[in-house]
């Protein structure tokens, strides 16, 4: 998978982009499990992606829900047994 960010907020700690092979849209958040830092990718529908590109506050609210594991059903890659915590 090749994830390409189209918008990134260092301050709010999320990115929005497109996975190049599948064309899926995503919002990603950084996580760490103590051994490695990585990103979790949450699938977005096209309309939500377009809204998040324009409305960063809405994207930030969604990222907060992802950090609370409220959007786990949208994870593009399911986490392993040593799942990280949002950073």
PDB file of N, CA and C in Angstrom:
ATOM      1  N   UNK A   1       0.846  -1.179   0.000  1.00  0.00           N
ATOM      2  CA  UNK A   1       0.000   0.000   0.000  1.00  0.00           C
ATOM      3  C   UNK A   1       0.888   1.236   0.000  1.00  0.00           C
ATOM      4  N   UNK A   2       0.448   2.233  -0.758  1.00  0.00           N
ATOM      5  CA  UNK A   2       1.182   3.491  -0.845  1.00  0.00           C
ATOM      6  C   UNK A   2       0.226   4.627  -0.491  1.00  0.00           C
ATOM      7  N   UNK A   3       0.383   5.145   0.711  1.00  0.00           N
ATOM      8  CA  UNK A   3      -0.470   6.216   1.200  1.00  0.00           C
ATOM      9  C   UNK A   3       0.168   7.560   0.861  1.00  0.00           C
ATOM     10  N   UNK A   4      -0.612   8.424   0.214  1.00  0.00           N
ATOM     11  CA  UNK A   4      -0.113   9.743  -0.173  1.00  0.00           C
ATOM     12  C   UNK A   4      -1.006  10.813   0.455  1.00  0.00           C
ATOM     13  N   UNK A   5      -0.420  11.572   1.378  1.00  0.00           N
ATOM     14  CA  UNK A   5      -1.172  12.624   2.057  1.00  0.00           C
ATOM     15  C   UNK A   5      -1.441  13.788   1.106  1.00  0.00           C
ATOM     16  N   UNK A   6      -2.672  14.297   1.156  1.00  0.00           N
ATOM     17  CA  UNK A   6      -3.007  15.504   0.406  1.00  0.00           C
ATOM     18  C   UNK A   6      -3.175  16.697   1.334  1.00  0.00           C
ATOM     19  N   UNK A   7      -3.390  16.431   2.624  1.00  0.00           N
ATOM     20  CA  UNK A   7      -3.425  17.478   3.642  1.00  0.00           C
ATOM     21  C   UNK A   7      -2.856  16.882   4.919  1.00  0.00           C
ATOM     22  N   UNK A   8      -2.052  17.683   5.627  1.00  0.00           N
ATOM     23  CA  UNK A   8      -1.435  17.232   6.868  1.00  0.00           C
ATOM     24  C   UNK A   8      -1.470  18.372   7.869  1.00  0.00           C
ATOM     25  N   UNK A   9      -1.851  18.086   9.114  1.00  0.00           N
ATOM     26  CA  UNK A   9      -1.807  19.066  10.192  1.00  0.00           C
ATOM     27  C   UNK A   9      -0.884  18.549  11.286  1.00  0.00           C
ATOM     28  N   UNK A  10       0.277  19.169  11.381  1.00  0.00           N
ATOM     29  CA  UNK A  10       1.213  18.805  12.447  1.00  0.00           C
ATOM     30  C   UNK A  10       0.618  19.152  13.811  1.00  0.00           C
ATOM     31  N   UNK A  11      -0.039  20.299  13.880  1.00  0.00           N
ATOM     32  CA  UNK A  11      -0.615  20.768  15.137  1.00  0.00           C
ATOM     33  C   UNK A  11      -1.731  19.852  15.633  1.00  0.00           C
ATOM     34  N   UNK A  12      -2.627  19.450  14.735  1.00  0.00           N
ATOM     35  CA  UNK A  12      -3.772  18.620  15.116  1.00  0.00           C
ATOM     36  C   UNK A  12      -3.493  17.126  14.979  1.00  0.00           C
ATOM     37  N   UNK A  13      -2.341  16.786  14.437  1.00  0.00           N
ATOM     38  CA  UNK A  13      -1.843  15.414  14.369  1.00  0.00           C
ATOM     39  C   UNK A  13      -2.748  14.462  13.585  1.00  0.00           C
ATOM     40  N   UNK A  14      -3.044  14.837  12.350  1.00  0.00           N
ATOM     41  CA  UNK A  14      -3.738  13.933  11.450  1.00  0.00           C
ATOM     42  C   UNK A  14      -3.366  14.293  10.017  1.00  0.00           C
ATOM     43  N   UNK A  15      -3.628  13.357   9.125  1.00  0.00           N
ATOM     44  CA  UNK A  15      -3.433  13.587   7.693  1.00  0.00           C
ATOM     45  C   UNK A  15      -4.634  13.020   6.949  1.00  0.00           C
ATOM     46  N   UNK A  16      -4.897  13.579   5.781  1.00  0.00           N
ATOM     47  CA  UNK A  16      -5.944  13.109   4.891  1.00  0.00           C
ATOM     48  C   UNK A  16      -5.284  12.842   3.547  1.00  0.00           C
ATOM     49  N   UNK A  17      -5.673  11.754   2.892  1.00  0.00           N
ATOM     50  CA  UNK A  17      -5.040  11.456   1.615  1.00  0.00           C
ATOM     51  C   UNK A  17      -5.716  10.334   0.857  1.00  0.00           C
ATOM     52  N   UNK A  18      -4.947   9.794  -0.112  1.00  0.00           N
ATOM     53  CA  UNK A  18      -5.443   8.744  -1.002  1.00  0.00           C
ATOM     54  C   UNK A  18      -4.428   7.606  -1.034  1.00  0.00           C
ATOM     55  N   UNK A  19      -4.909   6.376  -0.853  1.00  0.00           N
ATOM     56  CA  UNK A  19      -4.057   5.201  -1.018  1.00  0.00           C
ATOM     57  C   UNK A  19      -3.967   4.955  -2.521  1.00  0.00           C
ATOM     58  N   UNK A  20      -2.754   5.001  -3.051  1.00  0.00           N
ATOM     59  CA  UNK A  20      -2.544   5.054  -4.495  1.00  0.00           C
ATOM     60  C   UNK A  20      -2.940   3.782  -5.242  1.00  0.00           C
ATOM     61  N   UNK A  21      -2.763   2.622  -4.668  1.00  0.00           N
ATOM     62  CA  UNK A  21      -3.075   1.378  -5.379  1.00  0.00           C
ATOM     63  C   UNK A  21      -4.572   1.115  -5.467  1.00  0.00           C
ATOM     64  N   UNK A  22      -5.294   1.389  -4.383  1.00  0.00           N
ATOM     65  CA  UNK A  22      -6.730   1.087  -4.351  1.00  0.00           C
ATOM     66  C   UNK A  22      -7.597   2.299  -4.667  1.00  0.00           C
ATOM     67  N   UNK A  23      -7.041   3.500  -4.509  1.00  0.00           N
ATOM     68  CA  UNK A  23      -7.824   4.718  -4.689  1.00  0.00           C
ATOM     69  C   UNK A  23      -8.684   5.064  -3.486  1.00  0.00           C
ATOM     70  N   UNK A  24      -8.528   4.320  -2.379  1.00  0.00           N
ATOM     71  CA  UNK A  24      -9.313   4.593  -1.179  1.00  0.00           C
ATOM     72  C   UNK A  24      -8.840   5.893  -0.528  1.00  0.00           C
ATOM     73  N   UNK A  25      -9.805   6.634  -0.008  1.00  0.00           N
ATOM     74  CA  UNK A  25      -9.513   7.849   0.740  1.00  0.00           C
ATOM     75  C   UNK A  25      -9.339   7.491   2.210  1.00  0.00           C
ATOM     76  N   UNK A  26      -8.526   8.284   2.919  1.00  0.00           N
ATOM     77  CA  UNK A  26      -8.272   7.971   4.324  1.00  0.00           C
ATOM     78  C   UNK A  26      -8.006   9.218   5.151  1.00  0.00           C
ATOM     79  N   UNK A  27      -8.150   9.056   6.446  1.00  0.00           N
ATOM     80  CA  UNK A  27      -7.615   9.962   7.457  1.00  0.00           C
ATOM     81  C   UNK A  27      -6.705   9.105   8.307  1.00  0.00           C
ATOM     82  N   UNK A  28      -5.509   9.607   8.600  1.00  0.00           N
ATOM     83  CA  UNK A  28      -4.569   8.838   9.416  1.00  0.00           C
ATOM     84  C   UNK A  28      -4.194   9.617  10.669  1.00  0.00           C
ATOM     85  N   UNK A  29      -3.878   8.855  11.719  1.00  0.00           N
ATOM     86  CA  UNK A  29      -3.396   9.433  12.974  1.00  0.00           C
ATOM     87  C   UNK A  29      -2.130   8.689  13.385  1.00  0.00           C
ATOM     88  N   UNK A  30      -1.192   9.384  14.034  1.00  0.00           N
ATOM     89  CA  UNK A  30       0.014   8.708  14.507  1.00  0.00           C
ATOM     90  C   UNK A  30      -0.257   7.952  15.810  1.00  0.00           C
ATOM     91  N   UNK A  31       0.346   6.779  15.935  1.00  0.00           N
ATOM     92  CA  UNK A  31       0.244   5.965  17.145  1.00  0.00           C
ATOM     93  C   UNK A  31       1.620   5.388  17.482  1.00  0.00           C
ATOM     94  N   UNK A  32       1.758   4.928  18.719  1.00  0.00           N
ATOM     95  CA  UNK A  32       3.008   4.299  19.150  1.00  0.00           C
ATOM     96  C   UNK A  32       2.678   3.144  20.078  1.00  0.00           C
ATOM     97  N   UNK A  33       3.427   2.046  19.934  1.00  0.00           N
ATOM     98  CA  UNK A  33       3.228   0.915  20.843  1.00  0.00           C
ATOM     99  C   UNK A  33       4.426   0.712  21.766  1.00  0.00           C
ATOM    100  N   UNK A  34       5.291   1.710  21.860  1.00  0.00           N
ATOM    101  CA  UNK A  34       6.463   1.614  22.714  1.00  0.00           C
ATOM    102  C   UNK A  34       7.682   1.090  21.996  1.00  0.00           C
ATOM    103  N   UNK A  35       7.478   0.311  20.948  1.00  0.00           N
ATOM    104  CA  UNK A  35       8.582  -0.214  20.149  1.00  0.00           C
ATOM    105  C   UNK A  35       8.743   0.552  18.846  1.00  0.00           C
ATOM    106  N   UNK A  36       7.615   0.973  18.292  1.00  0.00           N
ATOM    107  CA  UNK A  36       7.644   1.636  16.988  1.00  0.00           C
ATOM    108  C   UNK A  36       6.491   2.637  16.904  1.00  0.00           C
ATOM    109  N   UNK A  37       6.743   3.737  16.216  1.00  0.00           N
ATOM    110  CA  UNK A  37       5.692   4.699  15.897  1.00  0.00           C
ATOM    111  C   UNK A  37       5.179   4.381  14.494  1.00  0.00           C
ATOM    112  N   UNK A  38       3.880   4.460  14.301  1.00  0.00           N
ATOM    113  CA  UNK A  38       3.298   4.188  12.987  1.00  0.00           C
ATOM    114  C   UNK A  38       1.981   4.941  12.863  1.00  0.00           C
ATOM    115  N   UNK A  39       1.350   4.866  11.716  1.00  0.00           N
ATOM    116  CA  UNK A  39       0.062   5.511  11.485  1.00  0.00           C
ATOM    117  C   UNK A  39      -1.034   4.467  11.366  1.00  0.00           C
ATOM    118  N   UNK A  40      -2.215   4.821  11.860  1.00  0.00           N
ATOM    119  CA  UNK A  40      -3.418   4.041  11.607  1.00  0.00           C
ATOM    120  C   UNK A  40      -4.224   4.799  10.555  1.00  0.00           C
ATOM    121  N   UNK A  41      -4.772   4.063   9.594  1.00  0.00           N
ATOM    122  CA  UNK A  41      -5.483   4.645   8.457  1.00  0.00           C
ATOM    123  C   UNK A  41      -6.954   4.253   8.513  1.00  0.00           C
ATOM    124  N   UNK A  42      -7.822   5.256   8.462  1.00  0.00           N
ATOM    125  CA  UNK A  42      -9.266   5.068   8.533  1.00  0.00           C
ATOM    126  C   UNK A  42      -9.882   5.439   7.190  1.00  0.00           C
ATOM    127  N   UNK A  43     -10.645   4.514   6.608  1.00  0.00           N
ATOM    128  CA  UNK A  43     -11.216   4.740   5.281  1.00  0.00           C
ATOM    129  C   UNK A  43     -12.318   5.799   5.326  1.00  0.00           C
ATOM    130  N   UNK A  44     -12.292   6.672   4.328  1.00  0.00           N
ATOM    131  CA  UNK A  44     -13.300   7.714   4.162  1.00  0.00           C
ATOM    132  C   UNK A  44     -14.031   7.498   2.842  1.00  0.00           C
ATOM    133  N   UNK A  45     -15.307   7.860   2.799  1.00  0.00           N
ATOM    134  CA  UNK A  45     -15.987   7.876   1.509  1.00  0.00           C
ATOM    135  C   UNK A  45     -15.593   9.172   0.789  1.00  0.00           C
ATOM    136  N   UNK A  46     -15.798   9.243  -0.527  1.00  0.00           N
ATOM    137  CA  UNK A  46     -15.343  10.418  -1.280  1.00  0.00           C
ATOM    138  C   UNK A  46     -15.908  11.749  -0.764  1.00  0.00           C
ATOM    139  N   UNK A  47     -17.172  11.775  -0.382  1.00  0.00           N
ATOM    140  CA  UNK A  47     -17.777  13.021   0.099  1.00  0.00           C
ATOM    141  C   UNK A  47     -17.138  13.480   1.408  1.00  0.00           C
ATOM    142  N   UNK A  48     -16.866  12.542   2.307  1.00  0.00           N
ATOM    143  CA  UNK A  48     -16.229  12.889   3.580  1.00  0.00           C
ATOM    144  C   UNK A  48     -14.809  13.374   3.347  1.00  0.00           C
ATOM    145  N   UNK A  49     -14.089  12.718   2.456  1.00  0.00           N
ATOM    146  CA  UNK A  49     -12.737  13.160   2.107  1.00  0.00           C
ATOM    147  C   UNK A  49     -12.758  14.609   1.623  1.00  0.00           C
ATOM    148  N   UNK A  50     -13.637  14.922   0.689  1.00  0.00           N
ATOM    149  CA  UNK A  50     -13.723  16.285   0.152  1.00  0.00           C
ATOM    150  C   UNK A  50     -14.071  17.284   1.252  1.00  0.00           C
ATOM    151  N   UNK A  51     -14.974  16.903   2.149  1.00  0.00           N
ATOM    152  CA  UNK A  51     -15.345  17.797   3.255  1.00  0.00           C
ATOM    153  C   UNK A  51     -14.159  18.037   4.169  1.00  0.00           C
ATOM    154  N   UNK A  52     -13.400  16.989   4.488  1.00  0.00           N
ATOM    155  CA  UNK A  52     -12.257  17.138   5.387  1.00  0.00           C
ATOM    156  C   UNK A  52     -11.144  17.980   4.776  1.00  0.00           C
ATOM    157  N   UNK A  53     -10.996  17.939   3.453  1.00  0.00           N
ATOM    158  CA  UNK A  53     -10.003  18.785   2.788  1.00  0.00           C
ATOM    159  C   UNK A  53     -10.345  20.261   3.005  1.00  0.00           C
ATOM    160  N   UNK A  54     -11.628  20.581   3.000  1.00  0.00           N
ATOM    161  CA  UNK A  54     -12.084  21.966   3.167  1.00  0.00           C
ATOM    162  C   UNK A  54     -12.314  22.340   4.629  1.00  0.00           C
ATOM    163  N   UNK A  55     -12.798  21.397   5.430  1.00  0.00           N
ATOM    164  CA  UNK A  55     -13.206  21.674   6.813  1.00  0.00           C
ATOM    165  C   UNK A  55     -12.288  20.924   7.777  1.00  0.00           C
ATOM    166  N   UNK A  56     -11.200  21.575   8.145  1.00  0.00           N
ATOM    167  CA  UNK A  56     -10.200  20.926   8.995  1.00  0.00           C
ATOM    168  C   UNK A  56     -10.719  20.681  10.410  1.00  0.00           C
ATOM    169  N   UNK A  57     -11.652  21.498  10.874  1.00  0.00           N
ATOM    170  CA  UNK A  57     -12.238  21.276  12.199  1.00  0.00           C
ATOM    171  C   UNK A  57     -13.034  19.969  12.213  1.00  0.00           C
ATOM    172  N   UNK A  58     -13.782  19.705  11.150  1.00  0.00           N
ATOM    173  CA  UNK A  58     -14.532  18.443  11.065  1.00  0.00           C
ATOM    174  C   UNK A  58     -13.572  17.260  11.010  1.00  0.00           C
ATOM    175  N   UNK A  59     -12.479  17.411  10.275  1.00  0.00           N
ATOM    176  CA  UNK A  59     -11.477  16.345  10.204  1.00  0.00           C
ATOM    177  C   UNK A  59     -10.846  16.112  11.571  1.00  0.00           C
ATOM    178  N   UNK A  60     -10.568  17.194  12.289  1.00  0.00           N
ATOM    179  CA  UNK A  60      -9.988  17.066  13.629  1.00  0.00           C
ATOM    180  C   UNK A  60     -10.942  16.340  14.572  1.00  0.00           C
ATOM    181  N   UNK A  61     -12.233  16.656  14.496  1.00  0.00           N
ATOM    182  CA  UNK A  61     -13.229  15.966  15.327  1.00  0.00           C
ATOM    183  C   UNK A  61     -13.250  14.468  15.018  1.00  0.00           C
ATOM    184  N   UNK A  62     -13.172  14.123  13.737  1.00  0.00           N
ATOM    185  CA  UNK A  62     -13.134  12.719  13.330  1.00  0.00           C
ATOM    186  C   UNK A  62     -11.870  12.047  13.872  1.00  0.00           C
ATOM    187  N   UNK A  63     -10.736  12.737  13.799  1.00  0.00           N
ATOM    188  CA  UNK A  63      -9.476  12.186  14.312  1.00  0.00           C
ATOM    189  C   UNK A  63      -9.574  11.910  15.809  1.00  0.00           C
ATOM    190  N   UNK A  64     -10.231  12.788  16.539  1.00  0.00           N
ATOM    191  CA  UNK A  64     -10.425  12.575  17.982  1.00  0.00           C
ATOM    192  C   UNK A  64     -11.224  11.295  18.212  1.00  0.00           C
ATOM    193  N   UNK A  65     -12.265  11.072  17.415  1.00  0.00           N
ATOM    194  CA  UNK A  65     -13.053   9.843  17.534  1.00  0.00           C
ATOM    195  C   UNK A  65     -12.196   8.618  17.214  1.00  0.00           C
ATOM    196  N   UNK A  66     -11.309   8.750  16.239  1.00  0.00           N
ATOM    197  CA  UNK A  66     -10.402   7.643  15.906  1.00  0.00           C
ATOM    198  C   UNK A  66      -9.469   7.346  17.074  1.00  0.00           C
ATOM    199  N   UNK A  67      -8.957   8.382  17.711  1.00  0.00           N
ATOM    200  CA  UNK A  67      -8.057   8.189  18.859  1.00  0.00           C
ATOM    201  C   UNK A  67      -8.757   7.458  20.002  1.00  0.00           C
ATOM    202  N   UNK A  68     -10.067   7.641  20.111  1.00  0.00           N
ATOM    203  CA  UNK A  68     -10.865   6.972  21.150  1.00  0.00           C
ATOM    204  C   UNK A  68     -11.332   5.590  20.705  1.00  0.00           C
ATOM    205  N   UNK A  69     -10.901   5.150  19.531  1.00  0.00           N
ATOM    206  CA  UNK A  69     -11.268   3.844  18.960  1.00  0.00           C
ATOM    207  C   UNK A  69     -12.751   3.757  18.619  1.00  0.00           C
ATOM    208  N   UNK A  70     -13.387   4.897  18.395  1.00  0.00           N
ATOM    209  CA  UNK A  70     -14.804   4.919  18.047  1.00  0.00           C
ATOM    210  C   UNK A  70     -15.045   4.649  16.562  1.00  0.00           C
ATOM    211  N   UNK A  71     -13.992   4.666  15.756  1.00  0.00           N
ATOM    212  CA  UNK A  71     -14.122   4.459  14.310  1.00  0.00           C
ATOM    213  C   UNK A  71     -13.333   3.237  13.841  1.00  0.00           C
ATOM    214  N   UNK A  72     -13.074   2.300  14.741  1.00  0.00           N
ATOM    215  CA  UNK A  72     -12.252   1.132  14.400  1.00  0.00           C
ATOM    216  C   UNK A  72     -12.822   0.309  13.248  1.00  0.00           C
ATOM    217  N   UNK A  73     -14.126   0.380  13.024  1.00  0.00           N
ATOM    218  CA  UNK A  73     -14.719  -0.360  11.912  1.00  0.00           C
ATOM    219  C   UNK A  73     -14.249   0.179  10.558  1.00  0.00           C
ATOM    220  N   UNK A  74     -13.648   1.367  10.541  1.00  0.00           N
ATOM    221  CA  UNK A  74     -13.170   1.979   9.304  1.00  0.00           C
ATOM    222  C   UNK A  74     -11.673   1.790   9.074  1.00  0.00           C
ATOM    223  N   UNK A  75     -10.992   1.080   9.979  1.00  0.00           N
ATOM    224  CA  UNK A  75      -9.554   0.857   9.810  1.00  0.00           C
ATOM    225  C   UNK A  75      -9.274   0.114   8.505  1.00  0.00           C
ATOM    226  N   UNK A  76      -8.348   0.629   7.726  1.00  0.00           N
ATOM    227  CA  UNK A  76      -7.974  -0.026   6.472  1.00  0.00           C
ATOM    228  C   UNK A  76      -7.129  -1.260   6.757  1.00  0.00           C
ATOM    229  N   UNK A  77      -6.220  -1.165   7.714  1.00  0.00           N
ATOM    230  CA  UNK A  77      -5.402  -2.313   8.142  1.00  0.00           C
ATOM    231  C   UNK A  77      -5.684  -2.539   9.619  1.00  0.00           C
ATOM    232  N   UNK A  78      -6.175  -3.702   9.951  1.00  0.00           N
ATOM    233  CA  UNK A  78      -6.497  -4.006  11.342  1.00  0.00           C
ATOM    234  C   UNK A  78      -5.211  -4.115  12.160  1.00  0.00           C
ATOM    235  N   UNK A  79      -5.216  -3.596  13.394  1.00  0.00           N
ATOM    236  CA  UNK A  79      -4.007  -3.633  14.227  1.00  0.00           C
ATOM    237  C   UNK A  79      -3.712  -5.038  14.739  1.00  0.00           C
ATOM    238  N   UNK A  80      -2.444  -5.242  15.087  1.00  0.00           N
ATOM    239  CA  UNK A  80      -2.024  -6.507  15.676  1.00  0.00           C
ATOM    240  C   UNK A  80      -2.346  -6.550  17.157  1.00  0.00           C
ATOM    241  N   UNK A  81      -1.828  -7.551  17.838  1.00  0.00           N
ATOM    242  CA  UNK A  81      -2.128  -7.734  19.258  1.00  0.00           C
ATOM    243  C   UNK A  81      -1.489  -6.662  20.133  1.00  0.00           C
ATOM    244  N   UNK A  82      -0.401  -6.043  19.673  1.00  0.00           N
ATOM    245  CA  UNK A  82       0.278  -4.997  20.440  1.00  0.00           C
ATOM    246  C   UNK A  82      -0.061  -3.634  19.838  1.00  0.00           C
ATOM    247  N   UNK A  83      -1.349  -3.316  19.847  1.00  0.00           N
ATOM    248  CA  UNK A  83      -1.816  -2.070  19.232  1.00  0.00           C
ATOM    249  C   UNK A  83      -1.270  -0.863  19.981  1.00  0.00           C
ATOM    250  N   UNK A  84      -0.867   0.120  19.227  1.00  0.00           N
ATOM    251  CA  UNK A  84      -0.348   1.343  19.814  1.00  0.00           C
ATOM    252  C   UNK A  84      -1.447   2.249  20.333  1.00  0.00           C
ATOM    253  N   UNK A  85      -1.014   3.302  21.004  1.00  0.00           N
ATOM    254  CA  UNK A  85      -1.919   4.339  21.485  1.00  0.00           C
ATOM    255  C   UNK A  85      -1.628   5.613  20.706  1.00  0.00           C
ATOM    256  N   UNK A  86      -2.658   6.423  20.541  1.00  0.00           N
ATOM    257  CA  UNK A  86      -2.510   7.665  19.779  1.00  0.00           C
ATOM    258  C   UNK A  86      -1.503   8.589  20.453  1.00  0.00           C
ATOM    259  N   UNK A  87      -0.703   9.240  19.615  1.00  0.00           N
ATOM    260  CA  UNK A  87       0.268  10.212  20.136  1.00  0.00           C
ATOM    261  C   UNK A  87      -0.028  11.595  19.590  1.00  0.00           C
TER     262      UNK A  87
END
